[in-house]
Amino acid sequence: MARDPDAIQRDIEKARDSLAVTLDELTTKADPKRFVESGKASVQEKLNDPRVRYAMIGVGALVAVIVVRKIFR
């Protein structure tokens, strides 16, 4: 049984609209800016942890002492 051209056209338009919505969702999910913002938030959250913050300060101080000792030797 053959389908009429109007029904075929409506199916094509529905498929096209569905594809457009799907592509918009994929574009939003794969946006590099979104990944960067997520990464920044993650790093900022980790740096706000006192254990990490004080460990970084300790490592920085140790590196500074080593550099100063190398300079004056």
PDB file of N, CA and C in Angstrom:
ATOM      1  N   MET A   1       0.835  -1.170   0.000  1.00  0.00           N
ATOM      2  CA  MET A   1       0.000   0.000   0.000  1.00  0.00           C
ATOM      3  C   MET A   1       0.887   1.243   0.000  1.00  0.00           C
ATOM      4  N   ALA A   2       0.699   2.123  -0.927  1.00  0.00           N
ATOM      5  CA  ALA A   2       1.501   3.328  -1.094  1.00  0.00           C
ATOM      6  C   ALA A   2       1.025   4.405  -0.121  1.00  0.00           C
ATOM      7  N   ARG A   3       1.980   5.157   0.358  1.00  0.00           N
ATOM      8  CA  ARG A   3       1.642   6.256   1.261  1.00  0.00           C
ATOM      9  C   ARG A   3       1.491   7.522   0.436  1.00  0.00           C
ATOM     10  N   ASP A   4       0.646   8.409   0.924  1.00  0.00           N
ATOM     11  CA  ASP A   4       0.455   9.642   0.167  1.00  0.00           C
ATOM     12  C   ASP A   4       1.617  10.592   0.436  1.00  0.00           C
ATOM     13  N   PRO A   5       1.909  11.471  -0.491  1.00  0.00           N
ATOM     14  CA  PRO A   5       3.062  12.376  -0.370  1.00  0.00           C
ATOM     15  C   PRO A   5       2.987  13.290   0.859  1.00  0.00           C
ATOM     16  N   ASP A   6       1.785  13.676   1.272  1.00  0.00           N
ATOM     17  CA  ASP A   6       1.664  14.549   2.441  1.00  0.00           C
ATOM     18  C   ASP A   6       2.128  13.841   3.717  1.00  0.00           C
ATOM     19  N   ALA A   7       1.787  12.562   3.866  1.00  0.00           N
ATOM     20  CA  ALA A   7       2.208  11.797   5.044  1.00  0.00           C
ATOM     21  C   ALA A   7       3.724  11.630   5.045  1.00  0.00           C
ATOM     22  N   ILE A   8       4.288  11.389   3.881  1.00  0.00           N
ATOM     23  CA  ILE A   8       5.739  11.243   3.770  1.00  0.00           C
ATOM     24  C   ILE A   8       6.419  12.566   4.137  1.00  0.00           C
ATOM     25  N   GLN A   9       5.873  13.679   3.651  1.00  0.00           N
ATOM     26  CA  GLN A   9       6.432  14.998   3.946  1.00  0.00           C
ATOM     27  C   GLN A   9       6.371  15.285   5.447  1.00  0.00           C
ATOM     28  N   ARG A  10       5.257  14.950   6.110  1.00  0.00           N
ATOM     29  CA  ARG A  10       5.142  15.158   7.564  1.00  0.00           C
ATOM     30  C   ARG A  10       6.163  14.315   8.317  1.00  0.00           C
ATOM     31  N   ASP A  11       6.373  13.077   7.880  1.00  0.00           N
ATOM     32  CA  ASP A  11       7.361  12.215   8.529  1.00  0.00           C
ATOM     33  C   ASP A  11       8.774  12.791   8.379  1.00  0.00           C
ATOM     34  N   ILE A  12       9.053  13.306   7.195  1.00  0.00           N
ATOM     35  CA  ILE A  12      10.366  13.913   6.945  1.00  0.00           C
ATOM     36  C   ILE A  12      10.562  15.138   7.840  1.00  0.00           C
ATOM     37  N   GLU A  13       9.542  15.962   7.971  1.00  0.00           N
ATOM     38  CA  GLU A  13       9.640  17.153   8.810  1.00  0.00           C
ATOM     39  C   GLU A  13       9.801  16.787  10.281  1.00  0.00           C
ATOM     40  N   LYS A  14       9.104  15.749  10.741  1.00  0.00           N
ATOM     41  CA  LYS A  14       9.258  15.301  12.128  1.00  0.00           C
ATOM     42  C   LYS A  14      10.675  14.784  12.372  1.00  0.00           C
ATOM     43  N   ALA A  15      11.178  14.008  11.428  1.00  0.00           N
ATOM     44  CA  ALA A  15      12.530  13.473  11.556  1.00  0.00           C
ATOM     45  C   ALA A  15      13.551  14.607  11.548  1.00  0.00           C
ATOM     46  N   ARG A  16      13.352  15.601  10.711  1.00  0.00           N
ATOM     47  CA  ARG A  16      14.261  16.746  10.630  1.00  0.00           C
ATOM     48  C   ARG A  16      14.245  17.536  11.946  1.00  0.00           C
ATOM     49  N   ASP A  17      13.057  17.767  12.492  1.00  0.00           N
ATOM     50  CA  ASP A  17      12.960  18.483  13.766  1.00  0.00           C
ATOM     51  C   ASP A  17      13.626  17.695  14.897  1.00  0.00           C
ATOM     52  N   SER A  18      13.412  16.399  14.903  1.00  0.00           N
ATOM     53  CA  SER A  18      14.022  15.543  15.931  1.00  0.00           C
ATOM     54  C   SER A  18      15.540  15.574  15.815  1.00  0.00           C
ATOM     55  N   LEU A  19      16.040  15.514  14.601  1.00  0.00           N
ATOM     56  CA  LEU A  19      17.482  15.570  14.372  1.00  0.00           C
ATOM     57  C   LEU A  19      18.046  16.917  14.817  1.00  0.00           C
ATOM     58  N   ALA A  20      17.330  18.006  14.550  1.00  0.00           N
ATOM     59  CA  ALA A  20      17.790  19.334  14.956  1.00  0.00           C
ATOM     60  C   ALA A  20      17.879  19.427  16.478  1.00  0.00           C
ATOM     61  N   VAL A  21      16.894  18.894  17.180  1.00  0.00           N
ATOM     62  CA  VAL A  21      16.920  18.912  18.647  1.00  0.00           C
ATOM     63  C   VAL A  21      18.098  18.096  19.158  1.00  0.00           C
ATOM     64  N   THR A  22      18.299  16.931  18.582  1.00  0.00           N
ATOM     65  CA  THR A  22      19.404  16.072  19.004  1.00  0.00           C
ATOM     66  C   THR A  22      20.749  16.746  18.765  1.00  0.00           C
ATOM     67  N   LEU A  23      20.914  17.374  17.619  1.00  0.00           N
ATOM     68  CA  LEU A  23      22.174  18.076  17.325  1.00  0.00           C
ATOM     69  C   LEU A  23      22.397  19.245  18.276  1.00  0.00           C
ATOM     70  N   ASP A  24      21.334  19.970  18.623  1.00  0.00           N
ATOM     71  CA  ASP A  24      21.465  21.062  19.585  1.00  0.00           C
ATOM     72  C   ASP A  24      21.916  20.541  20.943  1.00  0.00           C
ATOM     73  N   GLU A  25      21.356  19.415  21.377  1.00  0.00           N
ATOM     74  CA  GLU A  25      21.748  18.825  22.657  1.00  0.00           C
ATOM     75  C   GLU A  25      23.213  18.382  22.623  1.00  0.00           C
ATOM     76  N   LEU A  26      23.627  17.762  21.520  1.00  0.00           N
ATOM     77  CA  LEU A  26      25.014  17.320  21.397  1.00  0.00           C
ATOM     78  C   LEU A  26      25.972  18.510  21.376  1.00  0.00           C
ATOM     79  N   THR A  27      25.578  19.577  20.708  1.00  0.00           N
ATOM     80  CA  THR A  27      26.402  20.777  20.654  1.00  0.00           C
ATOM     81  C   THR A  27      26.590  21.358  22.046  1.00  0.00           C
ATOM     82  N   THR A  28      25.522  21.364  22.822  1.00  0.00           N
ATOM     83  CA  THR A  28      25.602  21.879  24.187  1.00  0.00           C
ATOM     84  C   THR A  28      26.500  20.999  25.045  1.00  0.00           C
ATOM     85  N   LYS A  29      26.357  19.683  24.916  1.00  0.00           N
ATOM     86  CA  LYS A  29      27.147  18.761  25.738  1.00  0.00           C
ATOM     87  C   LYS A  29      28.622  18.769  25.362  1.00  0.00           C
ATOM     88  N   ALA A  30      28.941  18.989  24.098  1.00  0.00           N
ATOM     89  CA  ALA A  30      30.326  18.906  23.624  1.00  0.00           C
ATOM     90  C   ALA A  30      31.005  20.272  23.540  1.00  0.00           C
ATOM     91  N   ASP A  31      30.401  21.293  24.123  1.00  0.00           N
ATOM     92  CA  ASP A  31      30.965  22.635  24.068  1.00  0.00           C
ATOM     93  C   ASP A  31      32.266  22.694  24.868  1.00  0.00           C
ATOM     94  N   PRO A  32      33.377  23.044  24.227  1.00  0.00           N
ATOM     95  CA  PRO A  32      34.665  23.100  24.942  1.00  0.00           C
ATOM     96  C   PRO A  32      34.655  24.082  26.111  1.00  0.00           C
ATOM     97  N   LYS A  33      33.926  25.173  25.987  1.00  0.00           N
ATOM     98  CA  LYS A  33      33.855  26.141  27.083  1.00  0.00           C
ATOM     99  C   LYS A  33      33.250  25.495  28.325  1.00  0.00           C
ATOM    100  N   ARG A  34      32.308  24.608  28.111  1.00  0.00           N
ATOM    101  CA  ARG A  34      31.677  23.910  29.235  1.00  0.00           C
ATOM    102  C   ARG A  34      32.707  23.037  29.955  1.00  0.00           C
ATOM    103  N   PHE A  35      33.553  22.353  29.186  1.00  0.00           N
ATOM    104  CA  PHE A  35      34.598  21.518  29.782  1.00  0.00           C
ATOM    105  C   PHE A  35      35.602  22.374  30.558  1.00  0.00           C
ATOM    106  N   VAL A  36      35.960  23.516  29.999  1.00  0.00           N
ATOM    107  CA  VAL A  36      36.917  24.405  30.658  1.00  0.00           C
ATOM    108  C   VAL A  36      36.332  24.906  31.970  1.00  0.00           C
ATOM    109  N   GLU A  37      35.089  25.347  31.938  1.00  0.00           N
ATOM    110  CA  GLU A  37      34.452  25.850  33.150  1.00  0.00           C
ATOM    111  C   GLU A  37      34.342  24.751  34.205  1.00  0.00           C
ATOM    112  N   SER A  38      34.022  23.549  33.765  1.00  0.00           N
ATOM    113  CA  SER A  38      33.925  22.418  34.684  1.00  0.00           C
ATOM    114  C   SER A  38      35.291  22.112  35.299  1.00  0.00           C
ATOM    115  N   GLY A  39      36.331  22.151  34.475  1.00  0.00           N
ATOM    116  CA  GLY A  39      37.688  21.913  34.967  1.00  0.00           C
ATOM    117  C   GLY A  39      38.133  22.985  35.948  1.00  0.00           C
ATOM    118  N   LYS A  40      37.823  24.242  35.636  1.00  0.00           N
ATOM    119  CA  LYS A  40      38.173  25.341  36.537  1.00  0.00           C
ATOM    120  C   LYS A  40      37.486  25.163  37.888  1.00  0.00           C
ATOM    121  N   ALA A  41      36.207  24.829  37.845  1.00  0.00           N
ATOM    122  CA  ALA A  41      35.455  24.651  39.090  1.00  0.00           C
ATOM    123  C   ALA A  41      36.035  23.507  39.904  1.00  0.00           C
ATOM    124  N   SER A  42      36.422  22.436  39.241  1.00  0.00           N
ATOM    125  CA  SER A  42      36.995  21.282  39.931  1.00  0.00           C
ATOM    126  C   SER A  42      38.323  21.639  40.588  1.00  0.00           C
ATOM    127  N   VAL A  43      39.188  22.331  39.863  1.00  0.00           N
ATOM    128  CA  VAL A  43      40.490  22.731  40.410  1.00  0.00           C
ATOM    129  C   VAL A  43      40.297  23.710  41.556  1.00  0.00           C
ATOM    130  N   GLN A  44      39.398  24.655  41.380  1.00  0.00           N
ATOM    131  CA  GLN A  44      39.141  25.642  42.434  1.00  0.00           C
ATOM    132  C   GLN A  44      38.631  24.957  43.701  1.00  0.00           C
ATOM    133  N   GLU A  45      37.768  23.977  43.530  1.00  0.00           N
ATOM    134  CA  GLU A  45      37.237  23.234  44.675  1.00  0.00           C
ATOM    135  C   GLU A  45      38.352  22.494  45.406  1.00  0.00           C
ATOM    136  N   LYS A  46      39.253  21.882  44.651  1.00  0.00           N
ATOM    137  CA  LYS A  46      40.368  21.160  45.266  1.00  0.00           C
ATOM    138  C   LYS A  46      41.332  22.117  45.964  1.00  0.00           C
ATOM    139  N   LEU A  47      41.586  23.271  45.375  1.00  0.00           N
ATOM    140  CA  LEU A  47      42.495  24.234  45.990  1.00  0.00           C
ATOM    141  C   LEU A  47      41.904  24.875  47.240  1.00  0.00           C
ATOM    142  N   ASN A  48      40.597  24.880  47.365  1.00  0.00           N
ATOM    143  CA  ASN A  48      39.970  25.424  48.563  1.00  0.00           C
ATOM    144  C   ASN A  48      40.048  24.462  49.740  1.00  0.00           C
ATOM    145  N   ASP A  49      40.414  23.219  49.488  1.00  0.00           N
ATOM    146  CA  ASP A  49      40.585  22.245  50.561  1.00  0.00           C
ATOM    147  C   ASP A  49      41.849  22.625  51.338  1.00  0.00           C
ATOM    148  N   PRO A  50      41.746  22.837  52.658  1.00  0.00           N
ATOM    149  CA  PRO A  50      42.916  23.276  53.440  1.00  0.00           C
ATOM    150  C   PRO A  50      44.099  22.309  53.350  1.00  0.00           C
ATOM    151  N   ARG A  51      43.844  21.022  53.284  1.00  0.00           N
ATOM    152  CA  ARG A  51      44.955  20.068  53.199  1.00  0.00           C
ATOM    153  C   ARG A  51      45.760  20.297  51.934  1.00  0.00           C
ATOM    154  N   VAL A  52      45.098  20.496  50.836  1.00  0.00           N
ATOM    155  CA  VAL A  52      45.783  20.723  49.556  1.00  0.00           C
ATOM    156  C   VAL A  52      46.478  22.084  49.571  1.00  0.00           C
ATOM    157  N   ARG A  53      45.783  23.076  50.068  1.00  0.00           N
ATOM    158  CA  ARG A  53      46.337  24.436  50.090  1.00  0.00           C
ATOM    159  C   ARG A  53      47.636  24.477  50.900  1.00  0.00           C
ATOM    160  N   TYR A  54      47.620  23.903  52.090  1.00  0.00           N
ATOM    161  CA  TYR A  54      48.812  23.946  52.940  1.00  0.00           C
ATOM    162  C   TYR A  54      49.940  23.068  52.376  1.00  0.00           C
ATOM    163  N   ALA A  55      49.568  21.985  51.736  1.00  0.00           N
ATOM    164  CA  ALA A  55      50.590  21.154  51.095  1.00  0.00           C
ATOM    165  C   ALA A  55      51.269  21.926  49.962  1.00  0.00           C
ATOM    166  N   MET A  56      50.483  22.659  49.184  1.00  0.00           N
ATOM    167  CA  MET A  56      51.054  23.466  48.089  1.00  0.00           C
ATOM    168  C   MET A  56      51.956  24.577  48.648  1.00  0.00           C
ATOM    169  N   ILE A  57      51.543  25.188  49.751  1.00  0.00           N
ATOM    170  CA  ILE A  57      52.366  26.227  50.375  1.00  0.00           C
ATOM    171  C   ILE A  57      53.685  25.613  50.853  1.00  0.00           C
ATOM    172  N   GLY A  58      53.608  24.430  51.449  1.00  0.00           N
ATOM    173  CA  GLY A  58      54.815  23.751  51.913  1.00  0.00           C
ATOM    174  C   GLY A  58      55.758  23.418  50.781  1.00  0.00           C
ATOM    175  N   VAL A  59      55.233  22.915  49.685  1.00  0.00           N
ATOM    176  CA  VAL A  59      56.063  22.580  48.523  1.00  0.00           C
ATOM    177  C   VAL A  59      56.679  23.848  47.945  1.00  0.00           C
ATOM    178  N   GLY A  60      55.899  24.904  47.865  1.00  0.00           N
ATOM    179  CA  GLY A  60      56.424  26.174  47.354  1.00  0.00           C
ATOM    180  C   GLY A  60      57.551  26.709  48.228  1.00  0.00           C
ATOM    181  N   ALA A  61      57.379  26.620  49.543  1.00  0.00           N
ATOM    182  CA  ALA A  61      58.417  27.081  50.461  1.00  0.00           C
ATOM    183  C   ALA A  61      59.678  26.233  50.312  1.00  0.00           C
ATOM    184  N   LEU A  62      59.508  24.927  50.167  1.00  0.00           N
ATOM    185  CA  LEU A  62      60.654  24.040  49.998  1.00  0.00           C
ATOM    186  C   LEU A  62      61.417  24.369  48.712  1.00  0.00           C
ATOM    187  N   VAL A  63      60.687  24.589  47.637  1.00  0.00           N
ATOM    188  CA  VAL A  63      61.329  24.947  46.365  1.00  0.00           C
ATOM    189  C   VAL A  63      62.061  26.279  46.509  1.00  0.00           C
ATOM    190  N   ALA A  64      61.459  27.236  47.198  1.00  0.00           N
ATOM    191  CA  ALA A  64      62.095  28.542  47.386  1.00  0.00           C
ATOM    192  C   ALA A  64      63.399  28.393  48.178  1.00  0.00           C
ATOM    193  N   VAL A  65      63.396  27.575  49.218  1.00  0.00           N
ATOM    194  CA  VAL A  65      64.600  27.354  50.013  1.00  0.00           C
ATOM    195  C   VAL A  65      65.687  26.711  49.156  1.00  0.00           C
ATOM    196  N   ILE A  66      65.323  25.730  48.372  1.00  0.00           N
ATOM    197  CA  ILE A  66      66.296  25.058  47.507  1.00  0.00           C
ATOM    198  C   ILE A  66      66.901  26.034  46.498  1.00  0.00           C
ATOM    199  N   VAL A  67      66.065  26.869  45.908  1.00  0.00           N
ATOM    200  CA  VAL A  67      66.557  27.845  44.925  1.00  0.00           C
ATOM    201  C   VAL A  67      67.492  28.841  45.590  1.00  0.00           C
ATOM    202  N   VAL A  68      67.129  29.326  46.762  1.00  0.00           N
ATOM    203  CA  VAL A  68      67.973  30.294  47.466  1.00  0.00           C
ATOM    204  C   VAL A  68      69.322  29.640  47.818  1.00  0.00           C
ATOM    205  N   ARG A  69      69.296  28.402  48.264  1.00  0.00           N
ATOM    206  CA  ARG A  69      70.553  27.714  48.602  1.00  0.00           C
ATOM    207  C   ARG A  69      71.434  27.545  47.372  1.00  0.00           C
ATOM    208  N   LYS A  70      70.822  27.217  46.224  1.00  0.00           N
ATOM    209  CA  LYS A  70      71.598  27.049  44.982  1.00  0.00           C
ATOM    210  C   LYS A  70      72.224  28.383  44.555  1.00  0.00           C
ATOM    211  N   ILE A  71      71.481  29.462  44.741  1.00  0.00           N
ATOM    212  CA  ILE A  71      71.989  30.774  44.331  1.00  0.00           C
ATOM    213  C   ILE A  71      73.192  31.184  45.175  1.00  0.00           C
ATOM    214  N   PHE A  72      73.157  30.951  46.465  1.00  0.00           N
ATOM    215  CA  PHE A  72      74.213  31.402  47.357  1.00  0.00           C
ATOM    216  C   PHE A  72      75.342  30.404  47.545  1.00  0.00           C
ATOM    217  N   ARG A  73      75.336  29.337  46.871  1.00  0.00           N
ATOM    218  CA  ARG A  73      76.448  28.374  46.956  1.00  0.00           C
ATOM    219  C   ARG A  73      77.487  28.669  45.939  1.00  0.00           C
TER     220      ARG A  73
END
